Amino acid sequence: MNKGTLTFFCGKMGAGKSTKAIEITQYNNAVLLSEDEWLASLYPNKIALLTDYIEYSNLLKPPIKKLVQSMLSAGTNVVMDFPANTRSQRDWFRGIFSEVDAPHHLIYIDLPNEVCLKQIEKRSKAQPERVATDTPHMFEQVTKHFVAPTSKEGFHTTLVTQNT
């Protein structure tokens, strides 16, 4: 049986990872898993600071990993709207697909900070429940930890820029 493909995303906060995830899910007849949705459902009103996000995200990762590996092994394509914005986050994704020998696709959305901040401002108006975390301050805190993927990491990567 063919394995499903895991698609995941790298890009600064506000780059459009969630929007691209929805688009790819529809195009590839895949299952979409959104970290924001899982966190909001399991830990409502618990995330106000970056440290809160890290704590609850880490609690979520072990069961999500097993779920995704099961889907990939069954031949289901999976799109994960979870950030792959640091080397350790990308290593977590590598463990997911490599342990079940499934193909993968990393989408790297590389947009300037100004564009991301404008998109965050629009999103906080469209989704008022995110107004506490969709702030320029949170963007700065998160962006300090951002590390763009390199070819040395060995991922099958597609680069998306403002002009693509």
N, C-alpha and C. Protein backbone atom coordinates (compact mmCIF):
# COMPACT_ATOMS: atom_id res chain seq x y z
N MET A 1 0.84 -1.19 0.00
CA MET A 1 0.00 0.00 0.00
C MET A 1 0.88 1.24 0.00
N ASN A 2 0.49 2.23 -0.79
CA ASN A 2 1.21 3.48 -0.82
C ASN A 2 0.94 4.28 0.45
N LYS A 3 1.97 4.96 0.92
CA LYS A 3 1.84 5.82 2.09
C LYS A 3 1.28 7.17 1.66
N GLY A 4 0.59 7.82 2.58
CA GLY A 4 0.14 9.18 2.34
C GLY A 4 1.32 10.14 2.43
N THR A 5 1.15 11.32 1.90
CA THR A 5 2.17 12.36 1.95
C THR A 5 1.87 13.33 3.07
N LEU A 6 2.89 13.69 3.84
CA LEU A 6 2.77 14.69 4.89
C LEU A 6 3.22 16.03 4.33
N THR A 7 2.35 17.03 4.39
CA THR A 7 2.68 18.39 3.99
C THR A 7 2.65 19.26 5.23
N PHE A 8 3.69 20.08 5.41
CA PHE A 8 3.78 20.97 6.56
C PHE A 8 4.44 22.27 6.14
N PHE A 9 4.44 23.27 7.04
CA PHE A 9 4.72 24.65 6.65
C PHE A 9 5.73 25.34 7.56
N CYS A 10 6.52 26.18 6.92
CA CYS A 10 7.43 27.08 7.62
C CYS A 10 7.12 28.48 7.12
N GLY A 11 7.05 29.42 8.04
CA GLY A 11 6.81 30.81 7.67
C GLY A 11 6.52 31.59 8.94
N LYS A 12 6.88 32.84 8.93
CA LYS A 12 6.66 33.67 10.11
C LYS A 12 5.17 33.79 10.41
N MET A 13 4.89 34.16 11.63
CA MET A 13 3.51 34.41 12.04
C MET A 13 2.89 35.41 11.06
N GLY A 14 1.72 35.08 10.54
CA GLY A 14 1.04 35.98 9.60
C GLY A 14 1.45 35.80 8.15
N ALA A 15 2.30 34.84 7.85
CA ALA A 15 2.78 34.65 6.48
C ALA A 15 1.72 34.04 5.57
N GLY A 16 0.71 33.39 6.15
CA GLY A 16 -0.32 32.77 5.33
C GLY A 16 -0.27 31.25 5.33
N LYS A 17 0.34 30.67 6.35
CA LYS A 17 0.46 29.21 6.42
C LYS A 17 -0.91 28.53 6.49
N SER A 18 -1.80 29.06 7.30
CA SER A 18 -3.14 28.45 7.44
C SER A 18 -3.93 28.54 6.15
N THR A 19 -3.85 29.67 5.49
CA THR A 19 -4.56 29.84 4.21
C THR A 19 -4.02 28.87 3.18
N LYS A 20 -2.70 28.73 3.11
CA LYS A 20 -2.09 27.80 2.16
C LYS A 20 -2.43 26.36 2.53
N ALA A 21 -2.51 26.06 3.81
CA ALA A 21 -2.85 24.70 4.25
C ALA A 21 -4.24 24.31 3.77
N ILE A 22 -5.19 25.22 3.88
CA ILE A 22 -6.55 24.94 3.42
C ILE A 22 -6.55 24.71 1.91
N GLU A 23 -5.84 25.54 1.19
CA GLU A 23 -5.75 25.41 -0.27
C GLU A 23 -5.16 24.06 -0.68
N ILE A 24 -4.08 23.67 -0.05
CA ILE A 24 -3.41 22.41 -0.39
C ILE A 24 -4.27 21.21 0.02
N THR A 25 -4.96 21.32 1.14
CA THR A 25 -5.85 20.25 1.59
C THR A 25 -6.90 19.96 0.53
N GLN A 26 -7.51 21.00 0.02
CA GLN A 26 -8.56 20.83 -0.99
C GLN A 26 -7.99 20.28 -2.29
N TYR A 27 -6.84 20.75 -2.68
CA TYR A 27 -6.22 20.34 -3.93
C TYR A 27 -5.74 18.89 -3.88
N ASN A 28 -5.27 18.45 -2.71
CA ASN A 28 -4.67 17.11 -2.58
C ASN A 28 -5.58 16.08 -1.93
N ASN A 29 -6.85 16.42 -1.73
CA ASN A 29 -7.77 15.48 -1.10
C ASN A 29 -7.14 14.91 0.18
N ALA A 30 -6.77 15.81 1.07
CA ALA A 30 -6.04 15.44 2.28
C ALA A 30 -6.84 15.78 3.53
N VAL A 31 -6.38 15.24 4.65
CA VAL A 31 -6.92 15.58 5.96
C VAL A 31 -6.11 16.75 6.50
N LEU A 32 -6.79 17.77 6.98
CA LEU A 32 -6.12 18.95 7.55
C LEU A 32 -6.17 18.87 9.07
N LEU A 33 -5.01 19.01 9.70
CA LEU A 33 -4.92 19.11 11.15
C LEU A 33 -4.34 20.49 11.48
N SER A 34 -5.07 21.28 12.25
CA SER A 34 -4.66 22.63 12.60
C SER A 34 -4.31 22.70 14.08
N GLU A 35 -3.09 23.09 14.36
CA GLU A 35 -2.67 23.22 15.75
C GLU A 35 -3.53 24.23 16.49
N ASP A 36 -3.84 25.35 15.86
CA ASP A 36 -4.66 26.38 16.51
C ASP A 36 -6.01 25.81 16.93
N GLU A 37 -6.62 25.02 16.06
CA GLU A 37 -7.93 24.44 16.38
C GLU A 37 -7.83 23.44 17.52
N TRP A 38 -6.81 22.58 17.50
CA TRP A 38 -6.62 21.60 18.57
C TRP A 38 -6.37 22.31 19.90
N LEU A 39 -5.50 23.31 19.89
CA LEU A 39 -5.18 24.02 21.13
C LEU A 39 -6.41 24.75 21.68
N ALA A 40 -7.17 25.40 20.80
CA ALA A 40 -8.37 26.13 21.25
C ALA A 40 -9.41 25.18 21.81
N SER A 41 -9.52 24.00 21.23
CA SER A 41 -10.50 23.03 21.68
C SER A 41 -10.10 22.36 23.00
N LEU A 42 -8.84 21.96 23.09
CA LEU A 42 -8.39 21.23 24.28
C LEU A 42 -8.01 22.14 25.45
N TYR A 43 -7.52 23.34 25.14
CA TYR A 43 -7.03 24.24 26.18
C TYR A 43 -7.62 25.65 25.99
N PRO A 44 -8.96 25.78 26.06
CA PRO A 44 -9.57 27.08 25.80
C PRO A 44 -9.12 28.14 26.81
N ASN A 45 -8.81 29.31 26.29
CA ASN A 45 -8.43 30.47 27.10
C ASN A 45 -7.21 30.24 27.98
N LYS A 46 -6.34 29.31 27.59
CA LYS A 46 -5.15 29.01 28.39
C LYS A 46 -3.89 29.65 27.80
N ILE A 47 -3.97 30.14 26.54
CA ILE A 47 -2.76 30.61 25.88
C ILE A 47 -2.80 32.13 25.74
N ALA A 48 -1.98 32.79 26.55
CA ALA A 48 -1.87 34.25 26.49
C ALA A 48 -0.44 34.67 26.19
N LEU A 49 0.51 33.83 26.55
CA LEU A 49 1.93 34.15 26.39
C LEU A 49 2.59 33.08 25.52
N LEU A 50 3.75 33.41 25.00
CA LEU A 50 4.51 32.45 24.20
C LEU A 50 4.83 31.20 25.03
N THR A 51 5.14 31.37 26.29
CA THR A 51 5.46 30.22 27.14
C THR A 51 4.24 29.30 27.30
N ASP A 52 3.04 29.88 27.33
CA ASP A 52 1.82 29.07 27.39
C ASP A 52 1.69 28.24 26.12
N TYR A 53 1.90 28.90 24.99
CA TYR A 53 1.81 28.18 23.71
C TYR A 53 2.79 27.01 23.68
N ILE A 54 4.02 27.25 24.08
CA ILE A 54 5.04 26.19 24.06
C ILE A 54 4.62 25.03 24.96
N GLU A 55 4.14 25.33 26.14
CA GLU A 55 3.73 24.29 27.08
C GLU A 55 2.61 23.42 26.51
N TYR A 56 1.55 24.05 26.01
CA TYR A 56 0.39 23.30 25.53
C TYR A 56 0.67 22.63 24.19
N SER A 57 1.46 23.27 23.36
CA SER A 57 1.83 22.66 22.09
C SER A 57 2.63 21.37 22.33
N ASN A 58 3.52 21.40 23.30
CA ASN A 58 4.32 20.21 23.61
C ASN A 58 3.46 19.07 24.16
N LEU A 59 2.39 19.40 24.87
CA LEU A 59 1.46 18.37 25.36
C LEU A 59 0.70 17.71 24.20
N LEU A 60 0.45 18.48 23.19
CA LEU A 60 -0.33 18.02 22.04
C LEU A 60 0.49 17.12 21.10
N LYS A 61 1.76 17.34 21.02
CA LYS A 61 2.58 16.69 19.99
C LYS A 61 2.63 15.16 20.03
N PRO A 62 2.82 14.52 21.17
CA PRO A 62 2.91 13.04 21.15
C PRO A 62 1.65 12.36 20.58
N PRO A 63 0.44 12.71 21.02
CA PRO A 63 -0.71 12.02 20.43
C PRO A 63 -0.94 12.39 18.97
N ILE A 64 -0.65 13.62 18.60
CA ILE A 64 -0.82 14.03 17.20
C ILE A 64 0.15 13.25 16.32
N LYS A 65 1.37 13.07 16.79
CA LYS A 65 2.37 12.32 16.00
C LYS A 65 1.85 10.92 15.69
N LYS A 66 1.34 10.22 16.69
CA LYS A 66 0.83 8.87 16.48
C LYS A 66 -0.36 8.86 15.53
N LEU A 67 -1.25 9.82 15.68
CA LEU A 67 -2.42 9.93 14.80
C LEU A 67 -1.99 10.13 13.35
N VAL A 68 -1.08 11.06 13.13
CA VAL A 68 -0.63 11.36 11.76
C VAL A 68 0.10 10.15 11.17
N GLN A 69 0.94 9.50 11.94
CA GLN A 69 1.63 8.32 11.43
C GLN A 69 0.65 7.22 11.04
N SER A 70 -0.40 7.07 11.80
CA SER A 70 -1.43 6.08 11.47
C SER A 70 -2.12 6.43 10.15
N MET A 71 -2.45 7.70 9.97
CA MET A 71 -3.10 8.13 8.73
C MET A 71 -2.18 7.96 7.53
N LEU A 72 -0.92 8.36 7.69
CA LEU A 72 0.04 8.22 6.59
C LEU A 72 0.22 6.76 6.21
N SER A 73 0.33 5.89 7.21
CA SER A 73 0.51 4.46 6.96
C SER A 73 -0.69 3.85 6.24
N ALA A 74 -1.88 4.44 6.46
CA ALA A 74 -3.10 3.95 5.81
C ALA A 74 -3.26 4.53 4.40
N GLY A 75 -2.30 5.37 3.97
CA GLY A 75 -2.36 5.93 2.63
C GLY A 75 -3.07 7.26 2.53
N THR A 76 -3.36 7.89 3.65
CA THR A 76 -4.07 9.17 3.67
C THR A 76 -3.07 10.33 3.64
N ASN A 77 -3.29 11.28 2.74
CA ASN A 77 -2.48 12.50 2.72
C ASN A 77 -2.88 13.37 3.90
N VAL A 78 -1.88 13.94 4.58
CA VAL A 78 -2.13 14.77 5.75
C VAL A 78 -1.44 16.12 5.55
N VAL A 79 -2.20 17.18 5.78
CA VAL A 79 -1.67 18.54 5.77
C VAL A 79 -1.71 19.02 7.22
N MET A 80 -0.54 19.39 7.73
CA MET A 80 -0.45 19.84 9.11
C MET A 80 -0.19 21.33 9.18
N ASP A 81 -1.17 22.04 9.70
CA ASP A 81 -1.03 23.47 9.94
C ASP A 81 -0.47 23.65 11.35
N PHE A 82 0.75 23.15 11.51
CA PHE A 82 1.55 23.29 12.72
C PHE A 82 2.85 23.94 12.25
N PRO A 83 3.44 24.85 13.02
CA PRO A 83 4.64 25.52 12.53
C PRO A 83 5.87 24.61 12.48
N ALA A 84 6.65 24.81 11.44
CA ALA A 84 7.96 24.17 11.29
C ALA A 84 8.99 25.28 11.20
N ASN A 85 8.93 26.19 12.18
CA ASN A 85 9.69 27.44 12.12
C ASN A 85 11.03 27.42 12.83
N THR A 86 11.35 26.30 13.45
CA THR A 86 12.66 26.15 14.09
C THR A 86 13.20 24.78 13.69
N ARG A 87 14.47 24.58 13.89
CA ARG A 87 15.05 23.28 13.56
C ARG A 87 14.42 22.17 14.40
N SER A 88 14.17 22.44 15.67
CA SER A 88 13.59 21.39 16.51
C SER A 88 12.16 21.06 16.07
N GLN A 89 11.39 22.06 15.65
CA GLN A 89 10.05 21.78 15.13
C GLN A 89 10.14 20.94 13.86
N ARG A 90 11.07 21.28 12.98
CA ARG A 90 11.22 20.51 11.75
C ARG A 90 11.72 19.09 12.04
N ASP A 91 12.55 18.94 13.07
CA ASP A 91 12.98 17.59 13.46
C ASP A 91 11.79 16.75 13.93
N TRP A 92 10.83 17.38 14.61
CA TRP A 92 9.62 16.67 15.02
C TRP A 92 8.86 16.15 13.80
N PHE A 93 8.72 17.01 12.79
CA PHE A 93 8.06 16.58 11.56
C PHE A 93 8.84 15.45 10.89
N ARG A 94 10.17 15.57 10.88
CA ARG A 94 11.00 14.52 10.27
C ARG A 94 10.74 13.17 10.95
N GLY A 95 10.61 13.18 12.26
CA GLY A 95 10.30 11.96 12.98
C GLY A 95 8.96 11.37 12.57
N ILE A 96 7.99 12.24 12.33
CA ILE A 96 6.66 11.76 11.94
C ILE A 96 6.75 10.98 10.64
N PHE A 97 7.29 11.60 9.58
CA PHE A 97 7.26 10.93 8.27
C PHE A 97 8.34 9.87 8.12
N SER A 98 9.51 10.07 8.70
CA SER A 98 10.60 9.11 8.49
C SER A 98 10.35 7.80 9.23
N GLU A 99 9.74 7.85 10.39
CA GLU A 99 9.50 6.63 11.17
C GLU A 99 8.51 5.68 10.48
N VAL A 100 7.68 6.22 9.58
CA VAL A 100 6.74 5.36 8.85
C VAL A 100 7.08 5.32 7.36
N ASP A 101 8.24 5.89 7.01
CA ASP A 101 8.73 5.88 5.63
C ASP A 101 7.70 6.46 4.65
N ALA A 102 7.17 7.63 5.01
CA ALA A 102 6.18 8.31 4.17
C ALA A 102 6.83 9.50 3.47
N PRO A 103 6.34 9.85 2.28
CA PRO A 103 6.85 11.05 1.62
C PRO A 103 6.39 12.32 2.35
N HIS A 104 7.10 13.40 2.09
CA HIS A 104 6.77 14.66 2.75
C HIS A 104 6.97 15.83 1.79
N HIS A 105 6.43 16.98 2.21
CA HIS A 105 6.57 18.21 1.44
C HIS A 105 6.54 19.37 2.42
N LEU A 106 7.62 20.13 2.48
CA LEU A 106 7.70 21.32 3.32
C LEU A 106 7.44 22.54 2.44
N ILE A 107 6.45 23.33 2.80
CA ILE A 107 6.16 24.58 2.10
C ILE A 107 6.74 25.71 2.95
N TYR A 108 7.69 26.45 2.41
CA TYR A 108 8.30 27.57 3.12
C TYR A 108 7.75 28.86 2.52
N ILE A 109 6.98 29.60 3.31
CA ILE A 109 6.41 30.88 2.88
C ILE A 109 7.30 31.99 3.43
N ASP A 110 8.01 32.64 2.54
CA ASP A 110 8.99 33.66 2.92
C ASP A 110 8.47 35.04 2.53
N LEU A 111 7.90 35.75 3.50
CA LEU A 111 7.37 37.08 3.27
C LEU A 111 8.04 38.08 4.21
N PRO A 112 8.15 39.34 3.79
CA PRO A 112 8.75 40.36 4.66
C PRO A 112 7.90 40.58 5.92
N ASN A 113 8.56 41.02 6.99
CA ASN A 113 7.88 41.28 8.25
C ASN A 113 6.69 42.22 8.08
N GLU A 114 6.83 43.25 7.26
CA GLU A 114 5.76 44.24 7.10
C GLU A 114 4.49 43.58 6.55
N VAL A 115 4.66 42.67 5.61
CA VAL A 115 3.51 41.97 5.03
C VAL A 115 2.86 41.08 6.08
N CYS A 116 3.67 40.37 6.84
CA CYS A 116 3.14 39.49 7.89
C CYS A 116 2.36 40.30 8.93
N LEU A 117 2.91 41.44 9.34
CA LEU A 117 2.24 42.27 10.33
C LEU A 117 0.90 42.81 9.81
N LYS A 118 0.85 43.19 8.55
CA LYS A 118 -0.42 43.64 7.96
C LYS A 118 -1.44 42.51 7.94
N GLN A 119 -1.00 41.31 7.61
CA GLN A 119 -1.90 40.17 7.58
C GLN A 119 -2.38 39.79 8.99
N ILE A 120 -1.51 39.95 9.98
CA ILE A 120 -1.90 39.69 11.37
C ILE A 120 -2.97 40.69 11.80
N GLU A 121 -2.80 41.93 11.43
CA GLU A 121 -3.79 42.97 11.78
C GLU A 121 -5.15 42.64 11.16
N LYS A 122 -5.15 42.24 9.90
CA LYS A 122 -6.41 41.85 9.24
C LYS A 122 -7.03 40.65 9.93
N ARG A 123 -6.22 39.67 10.26
CA ARG A 123 -6.71 38.44 10.88
C ARG A 123 -7.33 38.72 12.24
N SER A 124 -6.71 39.61 13.03
CA SER A 124 -7.25 39.89 14.36
C SER A 124 -8.60 40.59 14.28
N LYS A 125 -8.84 41.32 13.19
CA LYS A 125 -10.16 41.94 12.99
C LYS A 125 -11.18 40.91 12.54
N ALA A 126 -10.76 40.00 11.68
CA ALA A 126 -11.67 38.96 11.16
C ALA A 126 -11.94 37.88 12.20
N GLN A 127 -10.98 37.66 13.10
CA GLN A 127 -11.11 36.61 14.12
C GLN A 127 -10.85 37.24 15.50
N PRO A 128 -11.85 37.93 16.05
CA PRO A 128 -11.65 38.65 17.32
C PRO A 128 -11.15 37.79 18.48
N GLU A 129 -11.40 36.48 18.40
CA GLU A 129 -10.93 35.59 19.46
C GLU A 129 -9.40 35.52 19.51
N ARG A 130 -8.76 35.99 18.45
CA ARG A 130 -7.29 35.94 18.39
C ARG A 130 -6.63 37.27 18.74
N VAL A 131 -7.43 38.27 19.10
CA VAL A 131 -6.89 39.60 19.32
C VAL A 131 -5.83 39.64 20.43
N ALA A 132 -5.94 38.77 21.41
CA ALA A 132 -4.96 38.77 22.52
C ALA A 132 -3.60 38.26 22.09
N THR A 133 -3.56 37.35 21.11
CA THR A 133 -2.28 36.77 20.70
C THR A 133 -1.80 37.29 19.35
N ASP A 134 -2.68 37.82 18.54
CA ASP A 134 -2.27 38.35 17.22
C ASP A 134 -1.90 39.82 17.37
N THR A 135 -0.71 40.05 17.91
CA THR A 135 -0.24 41.41 18.18
C THR A 135 1.17 41.58 17.63
N PRO A 136 1.55 42.83 17.37
CA PRO A 136 2.95 43.06 16.96
C PRO A 136 3.96 42.56 17.99
N HIS A 137 3.62 42.69 19.28
CA HIS A 137 4.53 42.21 20.33
C HIS A 137 4.72 40.69 20.22
N MET A 138 3.61 39.95 20.06
CA MET A 138 3.71 38.49 19.93
C MET A 138 4.49 38.13 18.67
N PHE A 139 4.26 38.87 17.59
CA PHE A 139 5.01 38.63 16.35
C PHE A 139 6.51 38.76 16.61
N GLU A 140 6.91 39.81 17.32
CA GLU A 140 8.33 40.01 17.63
C GLU A 140 8.88 38.87 18.49
N GLN A 141 8.11 38.45 19.49
CA GLN A 141 8.55 37.37 20.38
C GLN A 141 8.74 36.07 19.60
N VAL A 142 7.78 35.74 18.74
CA VAL A 142 7.83 34.50 17.97
C VAL A 142 8.93 34.56 16.91
N THR A 143 9.06 35.70 16.25
CA THR A 143 10.02 35.85 15.15
C THR A 143 11.47 35.75 15.63
N LYS A 144 11.72 36.08 16.89
CA LYS A 144 13.07 35.94 17.45
C LYS A 144 13.57 34.50 17.36
N HIS A 145 12.65 33.55 17.36
CA HIS A 145 13.01 32.14 17.34
C HIS A 145 12.97 31.52 15.94
N PHE A 146 12.51 32.28 14.97
CA PHE A 146 12.34 31.77 13.61
C PHE A 146 13.70 31.45 12.97
N VAL A 147 13.79 30.27 12.35
CA VAL A 147 14.99 29.86 11.62
C VAL A 147 14.52 29.27 10.28
N ALA A 148 14.90 29.93 9.21
CA ALA A 148 14.49 29.46 7.87
C ALA A 148 15.14 28.11 7.58
N PRO A 149 14.43 27.26 6.86
CA PRO A 149 15.01 25.95 6.51
C PRO A 149 16.14 26.11 5.50
N THR A 150 17.08 25.20 5.55
CA THR A 150 18.17 25.21 4.58
C THR A 150 18.17 23.90 3.80
N SER A 151 18.83 23.91 2.67
CA SER A 151 18.90 22.69 1.86
C SER A 151 19.64 21.57 2.60
N LYS A 152 20.54 21.93 3.51
CA LYS A 152 21.29 20.93 4.28
C LYS A 152 20.39 20.07 5.16
N GLU A 153 19.19 20.58 5.48
CA GLU A 153 18.27 19.82 6.33
C GLU A 153 17.64 18.66 5.55
N GLY A 154 17.68 18.72 4.23
CA GLY A 154 17.26 17.59 3.41
C GLY A 154 15.77 17.42 3.20
N PHE A 155 14.99 18.46 3.39
CA PHE A 155 13.54 18.36 3.16
C PHE A 155 13.21 18.60 1.69
N HIS A 156 12.11 18.02 1.24
CA HIS A 156 11.57 18.33 -0.09
C HIS A 156 10.78 19.63 0.10
N THR A 157 11.37 20.74 -0.33
CA THR A 157 10.84 22.06 0.00
C THR A 157 10.40 22.83 -1.24
N THR A 158 9.27 23.53 -1.08
CA THR A 158 8.81 24.49 -2.08
C THR A 158 8.84 25.86 -1.42
N LEU A 159 9.47 26.83 -2.08
CA LEU A 159 9.54 28.19 -1.57
C LEU A 159 8.41 29.01 -2.19
N VAL A 160 7.67 29.69 -1.32
CA VAL A 160 6.61 30.59 -1.76
C VAL A 160 7.02 32.00 -1.31
N THR A 161 7.05 32.94 -2.26
CA THR A 161 7.39 34.32 -1.93
C THR A 161 6.23 35.22 -2.33
N GLN A 162 6.41 36.50 -2.11
CA GLN A 162 5.37 37.47 -2.43
C GLN A 162 5.00 37.40 -3.91
N ASN A 163 5.94 37.03 -4.74
CA ASN A 163 5.72 37.05 -6.19
C ASN A 163 5.27 35.70 -6.76
N THR A 164 5.07 34.69 -5.88
CA THR A 164 4.67 33.37 -6.41
C THR A 164 3.26 33.02 -6.01
